[in-house]
Each structure stands twice: as structure tokens, then as C-alpha cells.
Amino acid sequence: MSLEILLIPLAMAAVGAAKAAIDDGPRGLGPRELTVRSRLSDGSLVAGALADLDATVSVTSPDEIRASFDARALSLDRNDEGLWVARFDETWTEEEALGLVTDLDAAYGVCVQREVVRKIRERAPAAGLSIAEESVDDDAVTLVLDVRSD
């Protein structure tokens, strides 16, 4: 008996990107700030996704991440709902900020997918399963697990 699992990060990314929203920061109180809210929640996966996008990443606390792309920086911190909010300074346009959050969301989906595959590999033997087949097509990972009959 086999069990097939299909993991597709792009579907998750599309949902998250659709939920992203931009707020303009206060005017007249220094540089204009763009704030982008998204569905991202796991800080280590956010940092990994930023690194996958070639950012220089610094996790300054469990609730704060700093990242830079060449000379352009952004900060991310958790809001009251436990989700990450990206803050962009005046060097970013709205389109660039939304584009980066969309890219970050897709990279985050890939990081989530990698973590799920890692956990399946780690936990399968204890659940009486073995990985019979694994394939990667575009960004989808398919695992076929055999149920052992010991």
C-alpha cells in the first residue's frame, strides 16, 4: 500500500501574496515608510527565505529581523497577531515593496515545503512508513510512501 503526498509551495504563495497590503507611514514625521503585512509567521523560515533571495540577514531578536539587498534595507518585526510586518524606507517604491513581499512569500512557501519534507523523512520510519519514491517537478515535490507491514 502506498500513500502519495504532493507539496506545492506556489499555491500557498498566491494566497499570501493576495493578502499582502501596503500602508503609508505617517507624513511629516521623517522619511516616508511603507509597511507591508503578510501571512508569514515562522521567524526562522522568514530569515531562510530572505537568505534564499540573496539578502544579507540579521536576526536581532526572536521578533525582529533586519535584511539588506545591496544598499537597500528593510526591517521585519512581529505584529500583535504574531505575523511579520515588513517596513521599507523611502528608497523603496510601493511596487518594489510589494514585489519583494511577493517574492519573499514564494520563497517562504519553498522553505515551508523543505521543512515539511524534512519532517516527513524524519518521522516516516516511526510511523511505519518508508519513502519509496520522490520527485520534484517545477516547485512541486511528490513523495510516495510505502506502508510497511511488519
N, C-alpha and C. Protein backbone atom coordinates (compact mmCIF):
# COMPACT_ATOMS: atom_id res chain seq x y z
N MET A 1 0.85 -1.17 0.00
CA MET A 1 0.00 0.00 0.00
C MET A 1 0.90 1.24 0.00
N SER A 2 0.53 2.23 -0.78
CA SER A 2 1.30 3.46 -0.88
C SER A 2 0.44 4.67 -0.57
N LEU A 3 1.10 5.70 -0.11
CA LEU A 3 0.47 6.97 0.17
C LEU A 3 1.25 8.01 -0.61
N GLU A 4 0.56 8.85 -1.38
CA GLU A 4 1.24 9.88 -2.17
C GLU A 4 0.94 11.25 -1.59
N ILE A 5 1.99 12.03 -1.40
CA ILE A 5 1.86 13.38 -0.85
C ILE A 5 2.42 14.35 -1.87
N LEU A 6 1.66 15.36 -2.22
CA LEU A 6 2.09 16.38 -3.17
C LEU A 6 2.17 17.71 -2.44
N LEU A 7 3.34 18.31 -2.42
CA LEU A 7 3.55 19.59 -1.74
C LEU A 7 3.82 20.67 -2.78
N ILE A 8 2.98 21.70 -2.81
CA ILE A 8 3.09 22.75 -3.81
C ILE A 8 3.19 24.10 -3.12
N PRO A 9 4.38 24.70 -3.03
CA PRO A 9 4.51 25.97 -2.33
C PRO A 9 3.90 27.15 -3.08
N LEU A 10 3.80 27.10 -4.40
CA LEU A 10 3.29 28.25 -5.14
C LEU A 10 1.83 28.53 -4.81
N ALA A 11 1.06 27.51 -4.54
CA ALA A 11 -0.34 27.73 -4.17
C ALA A 11 -0.42 28.51 -2.87
N MET A 12 0.46 28.17 -1.92
CA MET A 12 0.48 28.91 -0.66
C MET A 12 0.93 30.35 -0.89
N ALA A 13 1.90 30.53 -1.78
CA ALA A 13 2.41 31.87 -2.05
C ALA A 13 1.34 32.76 -2.65
N ALA A 14 0.53 32.22 -3.54
CA ALA A 14 -0.51 33.02 -4.17
C ALA A 14 -1.51 33.53 -3.13
N VAL A 15 -1.86 32.70 -2.18
CA VAL A 15 -2.80 33.11 -1.13
C VAL A 15 -2.17 34.21 -0.28
N GLY A 16 -0.92 34.02 0.12
CA GLY A 16 -0.25 35.01 0.96
C GLY A 16 -0.05 36.32 0.25
N ALA A 17 0.34 36.26 -1.02
CA ALA A 17 0.56 37.49 -1.77
C ALA A 17 -0.74 38.26 -1.92
N ALA A 18 -1.84 37.57 -2.08
CA ALA A 18 -3.13 38.24 -2.22
C ALA A 18 -3.52 38.95 -0.93
N LYS A 19 -3.01 38.48 0.20
CA LYS A 19 -3.35 39.09 1.48
C LYS A 19 -2.42 40.25 1.85
N ALA A 20 -1.32 40.40 1.11
CA ALA A 20 -0.38 41.47 1.42
C ALA A 20 -1.04 42.82 1.15
N ALA A 21 -0.77 43.77 2.02
CA ALA A 21 -1.34 45.10 1.87
C ALA A 21 -0.30 46.14 2.26
N ILE A 22 -0.36 47.28 1.62
CA ILE A 22 0.60 48.35 1.91
C ILE A 22 -0.10 49.47 2.66
N ASP A 23 0.58 49.98 3.67
CA ASP A 23 0.13 51.17 4.39
C ASP A 23 1.23 52.21 4.28
N ASP A 24 0.86 53.44 4.00
CA ASP A 24 1.84 54.52 4.03
C ASP A 24 2.08 54.91 5.48
N GLY A 25 3.34 55.16 5.79
CA GLY A 25 3.66 55.62 7.13
C GLY A 25 3.21 57.06 7.31
N PRO A 26 3.36 57.58 8.51
CA PRO A 26 2.92 58.95 8.77
C PRO A 26 3.74 59.96 7.96
N ARG A 27 3.09 61.00 7.49
CA ARG A 27 3.76 62.05 6.72
C ARG A 27 4.24 63.14 7.68
N GLY A 28 5.35 63.75 7.34
CA GLY A 28 5.86 64.86 8.14
C GLY A 28 6.59 64.43 9.40
N LEU A 29 6.77 63.14 9.60
CA LEU A 29 7.47 62.66 10.79
C LEU A 29 8.77 61.96 10.40
N GLY A 30 9.49 62.53 9.45
CA GLY A 30 10.71 61.89 8.98
C GLY A 30 10.46 61.21 7.65
N PRO A 31 11.35 60.29 7.27
CA PRO A 31 11.20 59.63 5.97
C PRO A 31 9.91 58.83 5.87
N ARG A 32 9.34 58.83 4.68
CA ARG A 32 8.13 58.04 4.44
C ARG A 32 8.47 56.56 4.58
N GLU A 33 7.60 55.84 5.23
CA GLU A 33 7.82 54.41 5.43
C GLU A 33 6.66 53.65 4.82
N LEU A 34 6.98 52.57 4.11
CA LEU A 34 5.95 51.67 3.59
C LEU A 34 5.92 50.45 4.50
N THR A 35 4.76 50.02 4.87
CA THR A 35 4.60 48.85 5.71
C THR A 35 3.80 47.82 4.95
N VAL A 36 4.30 46.60 4.87
CA VAL A 36 3.61 45.54 4.16
C VAL A 36 3.31 44.41 5.14
N ARG A 37 2.05 44.05 5.25
CA ARG A 37 1.64 42.94 6.11
C ARG A 37 1.48 41.69 5.25
N SER A 38 1.85 40.55 5.81
CA SER A 38 1.70 39.29 5.08
C SER A 38 1.34 38.18 6.04
N ARG A 39 1.20 36.96 5.54
CA ARG A 39 0.81 35.81 6.34
C ARG A 39 2.01 35.11 6.98
N LEU A 40 3.21 35.56 6.74
CA LEU A 40 4.40 34.89 7.24
C LEU A 40 4.37 34.82 8.76
N SER A 41 4.76 33.67 9.31
CA SER A 41 4.70 33.55 10.77
C SER A 41 5.98 33.01 11.39
N ASP A 42 6.64 32.02 10.82
CA ASP A 42 7.81 31.39 11.42
C ASP A 42 9.07 32.21 11.13
N GLY A 43 9.66 32.78 12.17
CA GLY A 43 10.81 33.66 12.00
C GLY A 43 12.02 33.01 11.35
N SER A 44 12.31 31.77 11.72
CA SER A 44 13.47 31.10 11.12
C SER A 44 13.24 30.85 9.63
N LEU A 45 11.99 30.57 9.25
CA LEU A 45 11.69 30.38 7.83
C LEU A 45 11.70 31.71 7.08
N VAL A 46 11.28 32.78 7.73
CA VAL A 46 11.36 34.12 7.12
C VAL A 46 12.82 34.46 6.84
N ALA A 47 13.69 34.24 7.83
CA ALA A 47 15.12 34.53 7.67
C ALA A 47 15.70 33.66 6.56
N GLY A 48 15.33 32.38 6.52
CA GLY A 48 15.81 31.48 5.47
C GLY A 48 15.34 31.91 4.09
N ALA A 49 14.09 32.35 4.00
CA ALA A 49 13.55 32.81 2.72
C ALA A 49 14.27 34.07 2.25
N LEU A 50 14.56 34.98 3.17
CA LEU A 50 15.32 36.18 2.80
C LEU A 50 16.70 35.81 2.29
N ALA A 51 17.35 34.87 2.97
CA ALA A 51 18.68 34.41 2.53
C ALA A 51 18.59 33.76 1.15
N ASP A 52 17.52 32.99 0.90
CA ASP A 52 17.32 32.37 -0.41
C ASP A 52 17.16 33.43 -1.51
N LEU A 53 16.69 34.62 -1.13
CA LEU A 53 16.55 35.73 -2.08
C LEU A 53 17.83 36.56 -2.18
N ASP A 54 18.91 36.05 -1.60
CA ASP A 54 20.23 36.70 -1.63
C ASP A 54 20.32 37.95 -0.77
N ALA A 55 19.54 38.02 0.28
CA ALA A 55 19.65 39.14 1.21
C ALA A 55 20.70 38.82 2.27
N THR A 56 21.30 39.85 2.81
CA THR A 56 22.13 39.72 4.00
C THR A 56 21.17 39.85 5.17
N VAL A 57 21.12 38.83 6.01
CA VAL A 57 20.10 38.74 7.05
C VAL A 57 20.73 38.78 8.42
N SER A 58 20.09 39.55 9.31
CA SER A 58 20.49 39.61 10.71
C SER A 58 19.24 39.45 11.57
N VAL A 59 19.21 38.38 12.36
CA VAL A 59 18.10 38.17 13.29
C VAL A 59 18.51 38.84 14.59
N THR A 60 17.92 40.00 14.87
CA THR A 60 18.34 40.79 16.03
C THR A 60 17.63 40.37 17.30
N SER A 61 16.48 39.72 17.17
CA SER A 61 15.76 39.17 18.31
C SER A 61 14.73 38.20 17.75
N PRO A 62 14.06 37.42 18.61
CA PRO A 62 13.05 36.50 18.09
C PRO A 62 11.90 37.22 17.36
N ASP A 63 11.76 38.52 17.59
CA ASP A 63 10.67 39.27 16.98
C ASP A 63 11.15 40.36 16.03
N GLU A 64 12.42 40.30 15.63
CA GLU A 64 12.94 41.35 14.75
C GLU A 64 14.02 40.79 13.83
N ILE A 65 13.87 41.09 12.53
CA ILE A 65 14.83 40.67 11.51
C ILE A 65 15.20 41.89 10.68
N ARG A 66 16.47 42.02 10.40
CA ARG A 66 16.95 43.08 9.50
C ARG A 66 17.51 42.39 8.26
N ALA A 67 17.25 42.97 7.09
CA ALA A 67 17.75 42.41 5.85
C ALA A 67 18.19 43.53 4.92
N SER A 68 19.17 43.23 4.09
CA SER A 68 19.58 44.22 3.10
C SER A 68 19.85 43.53 1.77
N PHE A 69 19.50 44.24 0.73
CA PHE A 69 19.76 43.83 -0.63
C PHE A 69 20.67 44.91 -1.20
N ASP A 70 21.93 44.62 -1.30
CA ASP A 70 22.93 45.61 -1.68
C ASP A 70 22.83 46.76 -0.68
N ALA A 71 22.53 47.96 -1.15
CA ALA A 71 22.49 49.11 -0.24
C ALA A 71 21.08 49.40 0.28
N ARG A 72 20.11 48.57 -0.07
CA ARG A 72 18.72 48.82 0.32
C ARG A 72 18.33 47.90 1.46
N ALA A 73 17.80 48.51 2.51
CA ALA A 73 17.50 47.74 3.71
C ALA A 73 16.00 47.72 4.02
N LEU A 74 15.61 46.74 4.79
CA LEU A 74 14.27 46.69 5.32
C LEU A 74 14.33 46.01 6.68
N SER A 75 13.29 46.23 7.46
CA SER A 75 13.20 45.57 8.75
C SER A 75 11.88 44.83 8.81
N LEU A 76 11.87 43.75 9.56
CA LEU A 76 10.66 42.98 9.77
C LEU A 76 10.50 42.78 11.26
N ASP A 77 9.29 42.98 11.74
CA ASP A 77 9.01 42.68 13.14
C ASP A 77 7.61 42.09 13.25
N ARG A 78 7.36 41.45 14.38
CA ARG A 78 6.06 40.78 14.57
C ARG A 78 5.01 41.79 15.03
N ASN A 79 3.81 41.60 14.51
CA ASN A 79 2.70 42.43 14.97
C ASN A 79 1.98 41.71 16.12
N ASP A 80 0.90 42.27 16.60
CA ASP A 80 0.17 41.69 17.73
C ASP A 80 -0.43 40.32 17.41
N GLU A 81 -0.60 40.02 16.12
CA GLU A 81 -1.16 38.74 15.71
C GLU A 81 -0.09 37.67 15.51
N GLY A 82 1.20 38.04 15.74
CA GLY A 82 2.29 37.10 15.58
C GLY A 82 2.79 36.96 14.15
N LEU A 83 2.27 37.79 13.24
CA LEU A 83 2.72 37.77 11.85
C LEU A 83 3.80 38.81 11.63
N TRP A 84 4.62 38.60 10.61
CA TRP A 84 5.72 39.52 10.33
C TRP A 84 5.23 40.69 9.46
N VAL A 85 5.69 41.87 9.80
CA VAL A 85 5.38 43.08 9.05
C VAL A 85 6.71 43.62 8.52
N ALA A 86 6.78 43.84 7.21
CA ALA A 86 8.00 44.38 6.59
C ALA A 86 7.88 45.89 6.50
N ARG A 87 8.95 46.58 6.87
CA ARG A 87 8.97 48.04 6.83
C ARG A 87 10.08 48.48 5.87
N PHE A 88 9.68 49.27 4.90
CA PHE A 88 10.58 49.75 3.86
C PHE A 88 10.74 51.25 3.99
N ASP A 89 11.96 51.76 3.84
CA ASP A 89 12.16 53.20 3.92
C ASP A 89 11.84 53.86 2.58
N GLU A 90 12.16 55.15 2.47
CA GLU A 90 11.78 55.93 1.30
C GLU A 90 12.49 55.52 0.02
N THR A 91 13.52 54.67 0.10
CA THR A 91 14.22 54.26 -1.11
C THR A 91 13.44 53.21 -1.90
N TRP A 92 12.39 52.65 -1.32
CA TRP A 92 11.58 51.63 -1.98
C TRP A 92 10.29 52.25 -2.51
N THR A 93 9.90 51.88 -3.71
CA THR A 93 8.59 52.28 -4.22
C THR A 93 7.57 51.24 -3.74
N GLU A 94 6.30 51.60 -3.86
CA GLU A 94 5.25 50.64 -3.47
C GLU A 94 5.35 49.36 -4.30
N GLU A 95 5.60 49.51 -5.59
CA GLU A 95 5.70 48.34 -6.47
C GLU A 95 6.86 47.45 -6.06
N GLU A 96 8.00 48.07 -5.74
CA GLU A 96 9.17 47.29 -5.33
C GLU A 96 8.91 46.58 -4.00
N ALA A 97 8.27 47.26 -3.08
CA ALA A 97 7.97 46.66 -1.78
C ALA A 97 7.01 45.48 -1.93
N LEU A 98 5.94 45.68 -2.69
CA LEU A 98 5.01 44.57 -2.93
C LEU A 98 5.67 43.44 -3.69
N GLY A 99 6.53 43.77 -4.64
CA GLY A 99 7.25 42.75 -5.40
C GLY A 99 8.15 41.92 -4.50
N LEU A 100 8.86 42.60 -3.59
CA LEU A 100 9.73 41.86 -2.67
C LEU A 100 8.92 40.98 -1.74
N VAL A 101 7.82 41.50 -1.22
CA VAL A 101 6.99 40.69 -0.31
C VAL A 101 6.39 39.50 -1.06
N THR A 102 6.01 39.69 -2.31
CA THR A 102 5.50 38.58 -3.11
C THR A 102 6.60 37.53 -3.32
N ASP A 103 7.82 37.99 -3.65
CA ASP A 103 8.96 37.07 -3.80
C ASP A 103 9.29 36.39 -2.48
N LEU A 104 9.24 37.16 -1.39
CA LEU A 104 9.51 36.61 -0.06
C LEU A 104 8.47 35.56 0.30
N ASP A 105 7.23 35.84 -0.02
CA ASP A 105 6.16 34.90 0.26
C ASP A 105 6.37 33.59 -0.49
N ALA A 106 6.76 33.67 -1.77
CA ALA A 106 7.03 32.46 -2.56
C ALA A 106 8.23 31.70 -1.99
N ALA A 107 9.29 32.43 -1.63
CA ALA A 107 10.48 31.79 -1.04
C ALA A 107 10.13 31.16 0.30
N TYR A 108 9.27 31.82 1.07
CA TYR A 108 8.80 31.28 2.35
C TYR A 108 8.05 29.97 2.11
N GLY A 109 7.21 29.93 1.09
CA GLY A 109 6.48 28.71 0.75
C GLY A 109 7.43 27.56 0.44
N VAL A 110 8.52 27.84 -0.27
CA VAL A 110 9.52 26.82 -0.57
C VAL A 110 10.21 26.36 0.72
N CYS A 111 10.50 27.30 1.62
CA CYS A 111 11.11 26.93 2.91
C CYS A 111 10.16 26.06 3.74
N VAL A 112 8.88 26.39 3.73
CA VAL A 112 7.88 25.57 4.43
C VAL A 112 7.86 24.18 3.82
N GLN A 113 7.87 24.12 2.50
CA GLN A 113 7.87 22.83 1.81
C GLN A 113 9.09 22.00 2.21
N ARG A 114 10.28 22.61 2.21
CA ARG A 114 11.51 21.89 2.62
C ARG A 114 11.39 21.36 4.04
N GLU A 115 10.82 22.18 4.92
CA GLU A 115 10.66 21.77 6.32
C GLU A 115 9.68 20.61 6.45
N VAL A 116 8.60 20.64 5.70
CA VAL A 116 7.62 19.55 5.73
C VAL A 116 8.26 18.26 5.21
N VAL A 117 9.01 18.34 4.11
CA VAL A 117 9.68 17.16 3.57
C VAL A 117 10.68 16.61 4.59
N ARG A 118 11.43 17.50 5.24
CA ARG A 118 12.39 17.07 6.27
C ARG A 118 11.68 16.33 7.39
N LYS A 119 10.56 16.87 7.85
CA LYS A 119 9.82 16.23 8.95
C LYS A 119 9.23 14.89 8.52
N ILE A 120 8.75 14.80 7.29
CA ILE A 120 8.22 13.52 6.80
C ILE A 120 9.33 12.48 6.77
N ARG A 121 10.50 12.86 6.24
CA ARG A 121 11.63 11.92 6.21
C ARG A 121 12.01 11.47 7.62
N GLU A 122 12.03 12.42 8.53
CA GLU A 122 12.43 12.15 9.91
C GLU A 122 11.42 11.25 10.63
N ARG A 123 10.14 11.49 10.41
CA ARG A 123 9.09 10.80 11.18
C ARG A 123 8.52 9.55 10.51
N ALA A 124 8.78 9.37 9.23
CA ALA A 124 8.19 8.24 8.50
C ALA A 124 8.52 6.89 9.12
N PRO A 125 9.78 6.59 9.45
CA PRO A 125 10.08 5.27 9.99
C PRO A 125 9.31 4.95 11.27
N ALA A 126 9.17 5.92 12.16
CA ALA A 126 8.44 5.70 13.41
C ALA A 126 6.95 5.46 13.16
N ALA A 127 6.45 5.94 12.03
CA ALA A 127 5.03 5.75 11.70
C ALA A 127 4.81 4.52 10.84
N GLY A 128 5.87 3.72 10.63
CA GLY A 128 5.74 2.52 9.82
C GLY A 128 5.73 2.79 8.34
N LEU A 129 6.33 3.89 7.92
CA LEU A 129 6.36 4.27 6.52
C LEU A 129 7.79 4.34 6.02
N SER A 130 7.97 4.15 4.74
CA SER A 130 9.27 4.37 4.12
C SER A 130 9.04 5.12 2.82
N ILE A 131 9.99 5.95 2.45
CA ILE A 131 9.86 6.72 1.22
C ILE A 131 10.25 5.83 0.05
N ALA A 132 9.29 5.52 -0.79
CA ALA A 132 9.51 4.65 -1.94
C ALA A 132 9.97 5.44 -3.16
N GLU A 133 9.49 6.67 -3.26
CA GLU A 133 9.75 7.46 -4.45
C GLU A 133 9.66 8.94 -4.09
N GLU A 134 10.50 9.73 -4.72
CA GLU A 134 10.46 11.18 -4.52
C GLU A 134 10.76 11.84 -5.85
N SER A 135 9.95 12.83 -6.22
CA SER A 135 10.22 13.55 -7.45
C SER A 135 9.93 15.03 -7.24
N VAL A 136 10.65 15.84 -8.00
CA VAL A 136 10.47 17.28 -7.97
C VAL A 136 10.14 17.72 -9.39
N ASP A 137 8.97 18.35 -9.55
CA ASP A 137 8.52 18.86 -10.83
C ASP A 137 8.22 20.33 -10.66
N ASP A 138 8.94 21.18 -11.35
CA ASP A 138 8.83 22.62 -11.11
C ASP A 138 9.09 22.85 -9.63
N ASP A 139 8.13 23.40 -8.91
CA ASP A 139 8.31 23.61 -7.47
C ASP A 139 7.49 22.64 -6.63
N ALA A 140 6.92 21.62 -7.26
CA ALA A 140 6.12 20.64 -6.53
C ALA A 140 6.98 19.43 -6.18
N VAL A 141 6.87 18.97 -4.96
CA VAL A 141 7.56 17.77 -4.52
C VAL A 141 6.51 16.69 -4.31
N THR A 142 6.75 15.52 -4.90
CA THR A 142 5.85 14.39 -4.71
C THR A 142 6.62 13.30 -3.97
N LEU A 143 6.06 12.86 -2.86
CA LEU A 143 6.63 11.76 -2.10
C LEU A 143 5.65 10.59 -2.14
N VAL A 144 6.15 9.41 -2.44
CA VAL A 144 5.34 8.21 -2.37
C VAL A 144 5.88 7.41 -1.19
N LEU A 145 5.00 7.18 -0.22
CA LEU A 145 5.39 6.47 0.99
C LEU A 145 4.79 5.07 0.96
N ASP A 146 5.61 4.08 1.25
CA ASP A 146 5.12 2.71 1.39
C ASP A 146 4.80 2.45 2.84
N VAL A 147 3.70 1.78 3.06
CA VAL A 147 3.31 1.38 4.40
C VAL A 147 3.94 0.02 4.64
N ARG A 148 4.79 -0.06 5.65
CA ARG A 148 5.45 -1.32 5.98
C ARG A 148 4.46 -2.23 6.71
N SER A 149 4.54 -3.48 6.40
CA SER A 149 3.69 -4.45 7.10
C SER A 149 4.58 -5.40 7.88
N ASP A 150 5.07 -4.91 9.01
CA ASP A 150 5.98 -5.71 9.85
C ASP A 150 5.23 -6.72 10.68
